[in-house]
Amino acid sequence: MLGMPAAVDVPLRTEDGVIRVGRSRVTLDAVIADFHRGASPEEIARHYSSLQVSDVYLVIGYYLRNQDDVDAYLDDQERLAADARRRYEADHPNDPLRERLIAALAEKRNPGG
């Protein structure tokens, strides 16, 4: 007979202001973005080999129960990233690596022309 299940900790930790999943370097942002794109927990765990599928299920469950708080955190992270990008672009307006990356992205979006 199955006894009362034990409480399970959600495998999230904060490191330098960023929430990461399990013992990995994978961010909560990345897992939730994949989830929003329709990836299953198994697909997400395959995408990030350092994640355990059970951890992904727990994180998605946590997200679904705390969606407003997690979405607010994700919005804050997006704002911080946009601010950092603007500062970098202002400090490095002619960065050749940036230009190559933009060209590669354009080619990927429109192969062959």
PDB file of N, CA and C in Angstrom:
ATOM      1  N   MET A   1       0.840  -1.178   0.000  1.00  0.00           N
ATOM      2  CA  MET A   1       0.000   0.000   0.000  1.00  0.00           C
ATOM      3  C   MET A   1       0.890   1.248   0.000  1.00  0.00           C
ATOM      4  N   LEU A   2       0.489   2.217  -0.777  1.00  0.00           N
ATOM      5  CA  LEU A   2       1.243   3.463  -0.875  1.00  0.00           C
ATOM      6  C   LEU A   2       0.915   4.357   0.308  1.00  0.00           C
ATOM      7  N   GLY A   3       1.952   4.779   0.990  1.00  0.00           N
ATOM      8  CA  GLY A   3       1.750   5.676   2.123  1.00  0.00           C
ATOM      9  C   GLY A   3       1.609   7.113   1.655  1.00  0.00           C
ATOM     10  N   MET A   4       1.515   8.014   2.590  1.00  0.00           N
ATOM     11  CA  MET A   4       1.424   9.440   2.284  1.00  0.00           C
ATOM     12  C   MET A   4       2.693   9.877   1.584  1.00  0.00           C
ATOM     13  N   PRO A   5       2.585  10.490   0.390  1.00  0.00           N
ATOM     14  CA  PRO A   5       3.799  10.907  -0.317  1.00  0.00           C
ATOM     15  C   PRO A   5       4.537  12.007   0.454  1.00  0.00           C
ATOM     16  N   ALA A   6       5.844  11.941   0.358  1.00  0.00           N
ATOM     17  CA  ALA A   6       6.686  12.956   1.000  1.00  0.00           C
ATOM     18  C   ALA A   6       6.660  14.226   0.171  1.00  0.00           C
ATOM     19  N   ALA A   7       6.848  15.349   0.830  1.00  0.00           N
ATOM     20  CA  ALA A   7       6.943  16.628   0.123  1.00  0.00           C
ATOM     21  C   ALA A   7       8.180  16.603  -0.765  1.00  0.00           C
ATOM     22  N   VAL A   8       8.065  17.232  -1.920  1.00  0.00           N
ATOM     23  CA  VAL A   8       9.163  17.265  -2.874  1.00  0.00           C
ATOM     24  C   VAL A   8       9.586  18.714  -3.075  1.00  0.00           C
ATOM     25  N   ASP A   9      10.881  18.956  -2.969  1.00  0.00           N
ATOM     26  CA  ASP A   9      11.404  20.296  -3.200  1.00  0.00           C
ATOM     27  C   ASP A   9      11.476  20.571  -4.696  1.00  0.00           C
ATOM     28  N   VAL A  10      11.138  21.792  -5.069  1.00  0.00           N
ATOM     29  CA  VAL A  10      11.267  22.208  -6.458  1.00  0.00           C
ATOM     30  C   VAL A  10      12.750  22.482  -6.708  1.00  0.00           C
ATOM     31  N   PRO A  11      13.329  21.882  -7.738  1.00  0.00           N
ATOM     32  CA  PRO A  11      14.772  22.008  -7.972  1.00  0.00           C
ATOM     33  C   PRO A  11      15.147  23.320  -8.643  1.00  0.00           C
ATOM     34  N   LEU A  12      14.973  24.401  -7.915  1.00  0.00           N
ATOM     35  CA  LEU A  12      15.357  25.725  -8.400  1.00  0.00           C
ATOM     36  C   LEU A  12      16.322  26.344  -7.398  1.00  0.00           C
ATOM     37  N   ARG A  13      17.303  27.064  -7.915  1.00  0.00           N
ATOM     38  CA  ARG A  13      18.242  27.770  -7.051  1.00  0.00           C
ATOM     39  C   ARG A  13      18.589  29.102  -7.702  1.00  0.00           C
ATOM     40  N   THR A  14      18.934  30.064  -6.882  1.00  0.00           N
ATOM     41  CA  THR A  14      19.324  31.372  -7.387  1.00  0.00           C
ATOM     42  C   THR A  14      20.834  31.496  -7.326  1.00  0.00           C
ATOM     43  N   GLU A  15      21.389  31.924  -8.454  1.00  0.00           N
ATOM     44  CA  GLU A  15      22.839  32.113  -8.556  1.00  0.00           C
ATOM     45  C   GLU A  15      23.073  33.441  -9.269  1.00  0.00           C
ATOM     46  N   ASP A  16      23.670  34.383  -8.574  1.00  0.00           N
ATOM     47  CA  ASP A  16      23.936  35.709  -9.140  1.00  0.00           C
ATOM     48  C   ASP A  16      22.665  36.370  -9.669  1.00  0.00           C
ATOM     49  N   GLY A  17      21.567  36.189  -8.955  1.00  0.00           N
ATOM     50  CA  GLY A  17      20.310  36.824  -9.333  1.00  0.00           C
ATOM     51  C   GLY A  17      19.538  36.115 -10.430  1.00  0.00           C
ATOM     52  N   VAL A  18      20.045  34.964 -10.881  1.00  0.00           N
ATOM     53  CA  VAL A  18      19.408  34.201 -11.953  1.00  0.00           C
ATOM     54  C   VAL A  18      18.935  32.871 -11.380  1.00  0.00           C
ATOM     55  N   ILE A  19      17.700  32.498 -11.687  1.00  0.00           N
ATOM     56  CA  ILE A  19      17.171  31.222 -11.210  1.00  0.00           C
ATOM     57  C   ILE A  19      17.584  30.120 -12.180  1.00  0.00           C
ATOM     58  N   ARG A  20      18.193  29.072 -11.631  1.00  0.00           N
ATOM     59  CA  ARG A  20      18.670  27.931 -12.422  1.00  0.00           C
ATOM     60  C   ARG A  20      17.965  26.659 -11.961  1.00  0.00           C
ATOM     61  N   VAL A  21      17.957  25.665 -12.839  1.00  0.00           N
ATOM     62  CA  VAL A  21      17.223  24.426 -12.593  1.00  0.00           C
ATOM     63  C   VAL A  21      18.180  23.328 -12.133  1.00  0.00           C
ATOM     64  N   GLY A  22      17.811  22.683 -11.032  1.00  0.00           N
ATOM     65  CA  GLY A  22      18.597  21.570 -10.516  1.00  0.00           C
ATOM     66  C   GLY A  22      20.025  21.984 -10.243  1.00  0.00           C
ATOM     67  N   ARG A  23      20.946  21.083 -10.568  1.00  0.00           N
ATOM     68  CA  ARG A  23      22.381  21.372 -10.387  1.00  0.00           C
ATOM     69  C   ARG A  23      22.996  21.917 -11.661  1.00  0.00           C
ATOM     70  N   SER A  24      22.150  22.189 -12.642  1.00  0.00           N
ATOM     71  CA  SER A  24      22.640  22.620 -13.957  1.00  0.00           C
ATOM     72  C   SER A  24      22.838  24.134 -14.010  1.00  0.00           C
ATOM     73  N   ARG A  25      23.333  24.584 -15.148  1.00  0.00           N
ATOM     74  CA  ARG A  25      23.442  26.022 -15.427  1.00  0.00           C
ATOM     75  C   ARG A  25      22.239  26.503 -16.233  1.00  0.00           C
ATOM     76  N   VAL A  26      21.295  25.609 -16.535  1.00  0.00           N
ATOM     77  CA  VAL A  26      20.121  25.940 -17.340  1.00  0.00           C
ATOM     78  C   VAL A  26      19.217  26.869 -16.529  1.00  0.00           C
ATOM     79  N   THR A  27      18.784  27.950 -17.175  1.00  0.00           N
ATOM     80  CA  THR A  27      17.960  28.934 -16.469  1.00  0.00           C
ATOM     81  C   THR A  27      16.481  28.567 -16.513  1.00  0.00           C
ATOM     82  N   LEU A  28      15.764  29.070 -15.533  1.00  0.00           N
ATOM     83  CA  LEU A  28      14.308  28.930 -15.515  1.00  0.00           C
ATOM     84  C   LEU A  28      13.730  29.542 -16.788  1.00  0.00           C
ATOM     85  N   ASP A  29      14.294  30.651 -17.220  1.00  0.00           N
ATOM     86  CA  ASP A  29      13.840  31.328 -18.440  1.00  0.00           C
ATOM     87  C   ASP A  29      13.845  30.374 -19.633  1.00  0.00           C
ATOM     88  N   ALA A  30      14.926  29.615 -19.789  1.00  0.00           N
ATOM     89  CA  ALA A  30      15.075  28.716 -20.930  1.00  0.00           C
ATOM     90  C   ALA A  30      14.043  27.592 -20.886  1.00  0.00           C
ATOM     91  N   VAL A  31      13.825  27.016 -19.712  1.00  0.00           N
ATOM     92  CA  VAL A  31      12.857  25.924 -19.581  1.00  0.00           C
ATOM     93  C   VAL A  31      11.448  26.417 -19.882  1.00  0.00           C
ATOM     94  N   ILE A  32      11.088  27.565 -19.336  1.00  0.00           N
ATOM     95  CA  ILE A  32       9.730  28.083 -19.550  1.00  0.00           C
ATOM     96  C   ILE A  32       9.546  28.521 -21.002  1.00  0.00           C
ATOM     97  N   ALA A  33      10.577  29.076 -21.624  1.00  0.00           N
ATOM     98  CA  ALA A  33      10.482  29.447 -23.044  1.00  0.00           C
ATOM     99  C   ALA A  33      10.220  28.208 -23.899  1.00  0.00           C
ATOM    100  N   ASP A  34      10.939  27.113 -23.629  1.00  0.00           N
ATOM    101  CA  ASP A  34      10.693  25.867 -24.369  1.00  0.00           C
ATOM    102  C   ASP A  34       9.282  25.355 -24.113  1.00  0.00           C
ATOM    103  N   PHE A  35       8.838  25.425 -22.870  1.00  0.00           N
ATOM    104  CA  PHE A  35       7.480  24.993 -22.515  1.00  0.00           C
ATOM    105  C   PHE A  35       6.442  25.813 -23.288  1.00  0.00           C
ATOM    106  N   HIS A  36       6.651  27.121 -23.367  1.00  0.00           N
ATOM    107  CA  HIS A  36       5.726  27.991 -24.112  1.00  0.00           C
ATOM    108  C   HIS A  36       5.721  27.680 -25.607  1.00  0.00           C
ATOM    109  N   ARG A  37       6.847  27.191 -26.122  1.00  0.00           N
ATOM    110  CA  ARG A  37       6.915  26.802 -27.537  1.00  0.00           C
ATOM    111  C   ARG A  37       6.273  25.445 -27.783  1.00  0.00           C
ATOM    112  N   GLY A  38       5.797  24.798 -26.719  1.00  0.00           N
ATOM    113  CA  GLY A  38       5.097  23.530 -26.866  1.00  0.00           C
ATOM    114  C   GLY A  38       5.930  22.298 -26.609  1.00  0.00           C
ATOM    115  N   ALA A  39       7.157  22.462 -26.125  1.00  0.00           N
ATOM    116  CA  ALA A  39       8.006  21.304 -25.847  1.00  0.00           C
ATOM    117  C   ALA A  39       7.498  20.574 -24.607  1.00  0.00           C
ATOM    118  N   SER A  40       7.539  19.260 -24.667  1.00  0.00           N
ATOM    119  CA  SER A  40       7.172  18.442 -23.508  1.00  0.00           C
ATOM    120  C   SER A  40       8.349  18.431 -22.522  1.00  0.00           C
ATOM    121  N   PRO A  41       8.100  18.035 -21.269  1.00  0.00           N
ATOM    122  CA  PRO A  41       9.212  17.917 -20.320  1.00  0.00           C
ATOM    123  C   PRO A  41      10.316  16.985 -20.828  1.00  0.00           C
ATOM    124  N   GLU A  42       9.928  15.903 -21.508  1.00  0.00           N
ATOM    125  CA  GLU A  42      10.930  14.988 -22.048  1.00  0.00           C
ATOM    126  C   GLU A  42      11.770  15.672 -23.125  1.00  0.00           C
ATOM    127  N   GLU A  43      11.123  16.441 -23.990  1.00  0.00           N
ATOM    128  CA  GLU A  43      11.858  17.161 -25.035  1.00  0.00           C
ATOM    129  C   GLU A  43      12.789  18.201 -24.429  1.00  0.00           C
ATOM    130  N   ILE A  44      12.322  18.889 -23.410  1.00  0.00           N
ATOM    131  CA  ILE A  44      13.157  19.893 -22.747  1.00  0.00           C
ATOM    132  C   ILE A  44      14.381  19.225 -22.120  1.00  0.00           C
ATOM    133  N   ALA A  45      14.181  18.082 -21.459  1.00  0.00           N
ATOM    134  CA  ALA A  45      15.304  17.366 -20.847  1.00  0.00           C
ATOM    135  C   ALA A  45      16.284  16.863 -21.910  1.00  0.00           C
ATOM    136  N   ARG A  46      15.786  16.486 -23.085  1.00  0.00           N
ATOM    137  CA  ARG A  46      16.693  16.077 -24.162  1.00  0.00           C
ATOM    138  C   ARG A  46      17.446  17.282 -24.721  1.00  0.00           C
ATOM    139  N   HIS A  47      16.768  18.422 -24.780  1.00  0.00           N
ATOM    140  CA  HIS A  47      17.391  19.639 -25.295  1.00  0.00           C
ATOM    141  C   HIS A  47      18.535  20.094 -24.390  1.00  0.00           C
ATOM    142  N   TYR A  48      18.354  19.932 -23.086  1.00  0.00           N
ATOM    143  CA  TYR A  48      19.370  20.314 -22.094  1.00  0.00           C
ATOM    144  C   TYR A  48      19.805  19.046 -21.377  1.00  0.00           C
ATOM    145  N   SER A  49      20.856  18.442 -21.848  1.00  0.00           N
ATOM    146  CA  SER A  49      21.272  17.130 -21.343  1.00  0.00           C
ATOM    147  C   SER A  49      21.623  17.131 -19.854  1.00  0.00           C
ATOM    148  N   SER A  50      21.870  18.292 -19.279  1.00  0.00           N
ATOM    149  CA  SER A  50      22.212  18.353 -17.859  1.00  0.00           C
ATOM    150  C   SER A  50      20.971  18.334 -16.965  1.00  0.00           C
ATOM    151  N   LEU A  51      19.779  18.344 -17.557  1.00  0.00           N
ATOM    152  CA  LEU A  51      18.538  18.327 -16.775  1.00  0.00           C
ATOM    153  C   LEU A  51      17.985  16.914 -16.651  1.00  0.00           C
ATOM    154  N   GLN A  52      17.365  16.649 -15.516  1.00  0.00           N
ATOM    155  CA  GLN A  52      16.620  15.415 -15.299  1.00  0.00           C
ATOM    156  C   GLN A  52      15.160  15.676 -15.668  1.00  0.00           C
ATOM    157  N   VAL A  53      14.529  14.735 -16.349  1.00  0.00           N
ATOM    158  CA  VAL A  53      13.143  14.939 -16.773  1.00  0.00           C
ATOM    159  C   VAL A  53      12.234  15.164 -15.565  1.00  0.00           C
ATOM    160  N   SER A  54      12.512  14.491 -14.452  1.00  0.00           N
ATOM    161  CA  SER A  54      11.689  14.688 -13.252  1.00  0.00           C
ATOM    162  C   SER A  54      11.805  16.123 -12.742  1.00  0.00           C
ATOM    163  N   ASP A  55      13.002  16.716 -12.842  1.00  0.00           N
ATOM    164  CA  ASP A  55      13.181  18.114 -12.433  1.00  0.00           C
ATOM    165  C   ASP A  55      12.376  19.046 -13.339  1.00  0.00           C
ATOM    166  N   VAL A  56      12.364  18.749 -14.629  1.00  0.00           N
ATOM    167  CA  VAL A  56      11.616  19.592 -15.576  1.00  0.00           C
ATOM    168  C   VAL A  56      10.125  19.552 -15.237  1.00  0.00           C
ATOM    169  N   TYR A  57       9.594  18.374 -14.947  1.00  0.00           N
ATOM    170  CA  TYR A  57       8.185  18.272 -14.549  1.00  0.00           C
ATOM    171  C   TYR A  57       7.904  19.105 -13.302  1.00  0.00           C
ATOM    172  N   LEU A  58       8.787  19.015 -12.309  1.00  0.00           N
ATOM    173  CA  LEU A  58       8.587  19.786 -11.082  1.00  0.00           C
ATOM    174  C   LEU A  58       8.630  21.289 -11.347  1.00  0.00           C
ATOM    175  N   VAL A  59       9.553  21.722 -12.191  1.00  0.00           N
ATOM    176  CA  VAL A  59       9.680  23.148 -12.497  1.00  0.00           C
ATOM    177  C   VAL A  59       8.448  23.645 -13.253  1.00  0.00           C
ATOM    178  N   ILE A  60       7.976  22.874 -14.204  1.00  0.00           N
ATOM    179  CA  ILE A  60       6.774  23.285 -14.948  1.00  0.00           C
ATOM    180  C   ILE A  60       5.564  23.315 -14.014  1.00  0.00           C
ATOM    181  N   GLY A  61       5.459  22.344 -13.127  1.00  0.00           N
ATOM    182  CA  GLY A  61       4.379  22.362 -12.135  1.00  0.00           C
ATOM    183  C   GLY A  61       4.446  23.596 -11.256  1.00  0.00           C
ATOM    184  N   TYR A  62       5.649  23.930 -10.815  1.00  0.00           N
ATOM    185  CA  TYR A  62       5.837  25.143 -10.016  1.00  0.00           C
ATOM    186  C   TYR A  62       5.398  26.372 -10.816  1.00  0.00           C
ATOM    187  N   TYR A  63       5.813  26.423 -12.069  1.00  0.00           N
ATOM    188  CA  TYR A  63       5.426  27.553 -12.921  1.00  0.00           C
ATOM    189  C   TYR A  63       3.903  27.658 -13.025  1.00  0.00           C
ATOM    190  N   LEU A  64       3.245  26.546 -13.269  1.00  0.00           N
ATOM    191  CA  LEU A  64       1.784  26.578 -13.440  1.00  0.00           C
ATOM    192  C   LEU A  64       1.066  27.007 -12.163  1.00  0.00           C
ATOM    193  N   ARG A  65       1.634  26.700 -11.012  1.00  0.00           N
ATOM    194  CA  ARG A  65       1.018  27.100  -9.741  1.00  0.00           C
ATOM    195  C   ARG A  65       1.382  28.526  -9.335  1.00  0.00           C
ATOM    196  N   ASN A  66       2.433  29.060  -9.900  1.00  0.00           N
ATOM    197  CA  ASN A  66       2.930  30.395  -9.509  1.00  0.00           C
ATOM    198  C   ASN A  66       3.170  31.259 -10.738  1.00  0.00           C
ATOM    199  N   GLN A  67       2.293  31.159 -11.701  1.00  0.00           N
ATOM    200  CA  GLN A  67       2.522  31.771 -13.009  1.00  0.00           C
ATOM    201  C   GLN A  67       2.711  33.286 -12.930  1.00  0.00           C
ATOM    202  N   ASP A  68       1.916  33.968 -12.146  1.00  0.00           N
ATOM    203  CA  ASP A  68       2.046  35.431 -12.061  1.00  0.00           C
ATOM    204  C   ASP A  68       3.423  35.842 -11.540  1.00  0.00           C
ATOM    205  N   ASP A  69       3.874  35.171 -10.474  1.00  0.00           N
ATOM    206  CA  ASP A  69       5.181  35.510  -9.900  1.00  0.00           C
ATOM    207  C   ASP A  69       6.319  35.163 -10.857  1.00  0.00           C
ATOM    208  N   VAL A  70       6.236  33.983 -11.488  1.00  0.00           N
ATOM    209  CA  VAL A  70       7.293  33.575 -12.412  1.00  0.00           C
ATOM    210  C   VAL A  70       7.306  34.490 -13.631  1.00  0.00           C
ATOM    211  N   ASP A  71       6.118  34.821 -14.157  1.00  0.00           N
ATOM    212  CA  ASP A  71       6.062  35.728 -15.310  1.00  0.00           C
ATOM    213  C   ASP A  71       6.645  37.093 -14.975  1.00  0.00           C
ATOM    214  N   ALA A  72       6.410  37.575 -13.751  1.00  0.00           N
ATOM    215  CA  ALA A  72       6.999  38.856 -13.331  1.00  0.00           C
ATOM    216  C   ALA A  72       8.523  38.740 -13.293  1.00  0.00           C
ATOM    217  N   TYR A  73       9.052  37.633 -12.787  1.00  0.00           N
ATOM    218  CA  TYR A  73      10.498  37.402 -12.770  1.00  0.00           C
ATOM    219  C   TYR A  73      11.034  37.365 -14.203  1.00  0.00           C
ATOM    220  N   LEU A  74      10.348  36.645 -15.090  1.00  0.00           N
ATOM    221  CA  LEU A  74      10.792  36.540 -16.484  1.00  0.00           C
ATOM    222  C   LEU A  74      10.773  37.905 -17.168  1.00  0.00           C
ATOM    223  N   ASP A  75       9.766  38.708 -16.889  1.00  0.00           N
ATOM    224  CA  ASP A  75       9.716  40.070 -17.441  1.00  0.00           C
ATOM    225  C   ASP A  75      10.904  40.896 -16.952  1.00  0.00           C
ATOM    226  N   ASP A  76      11.224  40.780 -15.664  1.00  0.00           N
ATOM    227  CA  ASP A  76      12.381  41.497 -15.111  1.00  0.00           C
ATOM    228  C   ASP A  76      13.675  41.051 -15.788  1.00  0.00           C
ATOM    229  N   GLN A  77      13.830  39.748 -15.984  1.00  0.00           N
ATOM    230  CA  GLN A  77      15.030  39.225 -16.646  1.00  0.00           C
ATOM    231  C   GLN A  77      15.132  39.744 -18.076  1.00  0.00           C
ATOM    232  N   GLU A  78      14.006  39.794 -18.757  1.00  0.00           N
ATOM    233  CA  GLU A  78      13.996  40.297 -20.141  1.00  0.00           C
ATOM    234  C   GLU A  78      14.400  41.768 -20.185  1.00  0.00           C
ATOM    235  N   ARG A  79      13.907  42.551 -19.224  1.00  0.00           N
ATOM    236  CA  ARG A  79      14.273  43.971 -19.145  1.00  0.00           C
ATOM    237  C   ARG A  79      15.766  44.133 -18.862  1.00  0.00           C
ATOM    238  N   LEU A  80      16.285  43.336 -17.942  1.00  0.00           N
ATOM    239  CA  LEU A  80      17.716  43.405 -17.630  1.00  0.00           C
ATOM    240  C   LEU A  80      18.562  43.049 -18.852  1.00  0.00           C
ATOM    241  N   ALA A  81      18.155  42.037 -19.596  1.00  0.00           N
ATOM    242  CA  ALA A  81      18.895  41.636 -20.796  1.00  0.00           C
ATOM    243  C   ALA A  81      18.845  42.734 -21.856  1.00  0.00           C
ATOM    244  N   ALA A  82      17.671  43.345 -22.034  1.00  0.00           N
ATOM    245  CA  ALA A  82      17.537  44.420 -23.025  1.00  0.00           C
ATOM    246  C   ALA A  82      18.397  45.617 -22.629  1.00  0.00           C
ATOM    247  N   ASP A  83      18.423  45.941 -21.344  1.00  0.00           N
ATOM    248  CA  ASP A  83      19.272  47.050 -20.868  1.00  0.00           C
ATOM    249  C   ASP A  83      20.747  46.751 -21.116  1.00  0.00           C
ATOM    250  N   ALA A  84      21.171  45.530 -20.811  1.00  0.00           N
ATOM    251  CA  ALA A  84      22.567  45.144 -21.030  1.00  0.00           C
ATOM    252  C   ALA A  84      22.912  45.196 -22.517  1.00  0.00           C
ATOM    253  N   ARG A  85      21.987  44.747 -23.360  1.00  0.00           N
ATOM    254  CA  ARG A  85      22.218  44.778 -24.808  1.00  0.00           C
ATOM    255  C   ARG A  85      22.354  46.210 -25.305  1.00  0.00           C
ATOM    256  N   ARG A  86      21.485  47.106 -24.833  1.00  0.00           N
ATOM    257  CA  ARG A  86      21.559  48.519 -25.235  1.00  0.00           C
ATOM    258  C   ARG A  86      22.882  49.148 -24.791  1.00  0.00           C
ATOM    259  N   ARG A  87      23.306  48.859 -23.569  1.00  0.00           N
ATOM    260  CA  ARG A  87      24.578  49.404 -23.073  1.00  0.00           C
ATOM    261  C   ARG A  87      25.740  48.880 -23.902  1.00  0.00           C
ATOM    262  N   TYR A  88      25.730  47.594 -24.202  1.00  0.00           N
ATOM    263  CA  TYR A  88      26.814  47.018 -24.993  1.00  0.00           C
ATOM    264  C   TYR A  88      26.849  47.629 -26.385  1.00  0.00           C
ATOM    265  N   GLU A  89      25.679  47.737 -27.023  1.00  0.00           N
ATOM    266  CA  GLU A  89      25.626  48.302 -28.371  1.00  0.00           C
ATOM    267  C   GLU A  89      26.072  49.755 -28.381  1.00  0.00           C
ATOM    268  N   ALA A  90      25.755  50.508 -27.330  1.00  0.00           N
ATOM    269  CA  ALA A  90      26.193  51.905 -27.247  1.00  0.00           C
ATOM    270  C   ALA A  90      27.712  51.987 -27.059  1.00  0.00           C
ATOM    271  N   ASP A  91      28.261  51.062 -26.276  1.00  0.00           N
ATOM    272  CA  ASP A  91      29.709  51.056 -26.020  1.00  0.00           C
ATOM    273  C   ASP A  91      30.514  50.459 -27.169  1.00  0.00           C
ATOM    274  N   HIS A  92      29.892  49.625 -28.004  1.00  0.00           N
ATOM    275  CA  HIS A  92      30.578  48.918 -29.094  1.00  0.00           C
ATOM    276  C   HIS A  92      29.750  49.013 -30.375  1.00  0.00           C
ATOM    277  N   PRO A  93      29.595  50.209 -30.917  1.00  0.00           N
ATOM    278  CA  PRO A  93      28.689  50.380 -32.068  1.00  0.00           C
ATOM    279  C   PRO A  93      29.142  49.666 -33.340  1.00  0.00           C
ATOM    280  N   ASN A  94      30.421  49.431 -33.513  1.00  0.00           N
ATOM    281  CA  ASN A  94      30.922  48.806 -34.742  1.00  0.00           C
ATOM    282  C   ASN A  94      31.564  47.450 -34.463  1.00  0.00           C
ATOM    283  N   ASP A  95      30.984  46.692 -33.589  1.00  0.00           N
ATOM    284  CA  ASP A  95      31.533  45.391 -33.206  1.00  0.00           C
ATOM    285  C   ASP A  95      31.438  44.418 -34.386  1.00  0.00           C
ATOM    286  N   PRO A  96      32.583  43.961 -34.924  1.00  0.00           N
ATOM    287  CA  PRO A  96      32.542  43.066 -36.089  1.00  0.00           C
ATOM    288  C   PRO A  96      31.878  41.727 -35.781  1.00  0.00           C
ATOM    289  N   LEU A  97      32.016  41.228 -34.581  1.00  0.00           N
ATOM    290  CA  LEU A  97      31.361  39.972 -34.228  1.00  0.00           C
ATOM    291  C   LEU A  97      29.845  40.134 -34.279  1.00  0.00           C
ATOM    292  N   ARG A  98      29.362  41.260 -33.750  1.00  0.00           N
ATOM    293  CA  ARG A  98      27.920  41.530 -33.772  1.00  0.00           C
ATOM    294  C   ARG A  98      27.415  41.572 -35.209  1.00  0.00           C
ATOM    295  N   GLU A  99      28.153  42.221 -36.080  1.00  0.00           N
ATOM    296  CA  GLU A  99      27.748  42.313 -37.489  1.00  0.00           C
ATOM    297  C   GLU A  99      27.703  40.921 -38.132  1.00  0.00           C
ATOM    298  N   ARG A 100      28.686  40.080 -37.823  1.00  0.00           N
ATOM    299  CA  ARG A 100      28.697  38.715 -38.379  1.00  0.00           C
ATOM    300  C   ARG A 100      27.518  37.912 -37.854  1.00  0.00           C
ATOM    301  N   LEU A 101      27.210  38.071 -36.575  1.00  0.00           N
ATOM    302  CA  LEU A 101      26.084  37.345 -35.988  1.00  0.00           C
ATOM    303  C   LEU A 101      24.752  37.796 -36.588  1.00  0.00           C
ATOM    304  N   ILE A 102      24.604  39.097 -36.803  1.00  0.00           N
ATOM    305  CA  ILE A 102      23.377  39.613 -37.426  1.00  0.00           C
ATOM    306  C   ILE A 102      23.245  39.071 -38.845  1.00  0.00           C
ATOM    307  N   ALA A 103      24.351  39.050 -39.592  1.00  0.00           N
ATOM    308  CA  ALA A 103      24.322  38.520 -40.957  1.00  0.00           C
ATOM    309  C   ALA A 103      23.985  37.029 -40.960  1.00  0.00           C
ATOM    310  N   ALA A 104      24.550  36.275 -40.020  1.00  0.00           N
ATOM    311  CA  ALA A 104      24.267  34.839 -39.938  1.00  0.00           C
ATOM    312  C   ALA A 104      22.807  34.592 -39.588  1.00  0.00           C
ATOM    313  N   LEU A 105      22.258  35.398 -38.691  1.00  0.00           N
ATOM    314  CA  LEU A 105      20.849  35.264 -38.330  1.00  0.00           C
ATOM    315  C   LEU A 105      19.955  35.584 -39.521  1.00  0.00           C
ATOM    316  N   ALA A 106      20.301  36.630 -40.264  1.00  0.00           N
ATOM    317  CA  ALA A 106      19.517  36.989 -41.460  1.00  0.00           C
ATOM    318  C   ALA A 106      19.563  35.863 -42.486  1.00  0.00           C
ATOM    319  N   GLU A 107      20.725  35.258 -42.663  1.00  0.00           N
ATOM    320  CA  GLU A 107      20.859  34.137 -43.604  1.00  0.00           C
ATOM    321  C   GLU A 107      20.045  32.938 -43.151  1.00  0.00           C
ATOM    322  N   LYS A 108      20.049  32.682 -41.856  1.00  0.00           N
ATOM    323  CA  LYS A 108      19.277  31.552 -41.322  1.00  0.00           C
ATOM    324  C   LYS A 108      17.782  31.770 -41.529  1.00  0.00           C
ATOM    325  N   ARG A 109      17.326  32.997 -41.371  1.00  0.00           N
ATOM    326  CA  ARG A 109      15.907  33.311 -41.547  1.00  0.00           C
ATOM    327  C   ARG A 109      15.488  33.321 -43.005  1.00  0.00           C
ATOM    328  N   ASN A 110      16.438  33.618 -43.913  1.00  0.00           N
ATOM    329  CA  ASN A 110      16.122  33.734 -45.323  1.00  0.00           C
ATOM    330  C   ASN A 110      17.240  33.076 -46.154  1.00  0.00           C
ATOM    331  N   PRO A 111      17.326  31.731 -46.084  1.00  0.00           N
ATOM    332  CA  PRO A 111      18.424  31.061 -46.781  1.00  0.00           C
ATOM    333  C   PRO A 111      18.342  31.262 -48.298  1.00  0.00           C
ATOM    334  N   GLY A 112      19.480  31.521 -48.890  1.00  0.00           N
ATOM    335  CA  GLY A 112      19.567  31.641 -50.331  1.00  0.00           C
ATOM    336  C   GLY A 112      19.121  32.972 -50.906  1.00  0.00           C
ATOM    337  N   GLY A 113      18.854  33.939 -50.075  1.00  0.00           N
ATOM    338  CA  GLY A 113      18.558  35.214 -50.683  1.00  0.00           C
ATOM    339  C   GLY A 113      17.605  36.009 -49.949  1.00  0.00           C
TER     340      GLY A 113
END
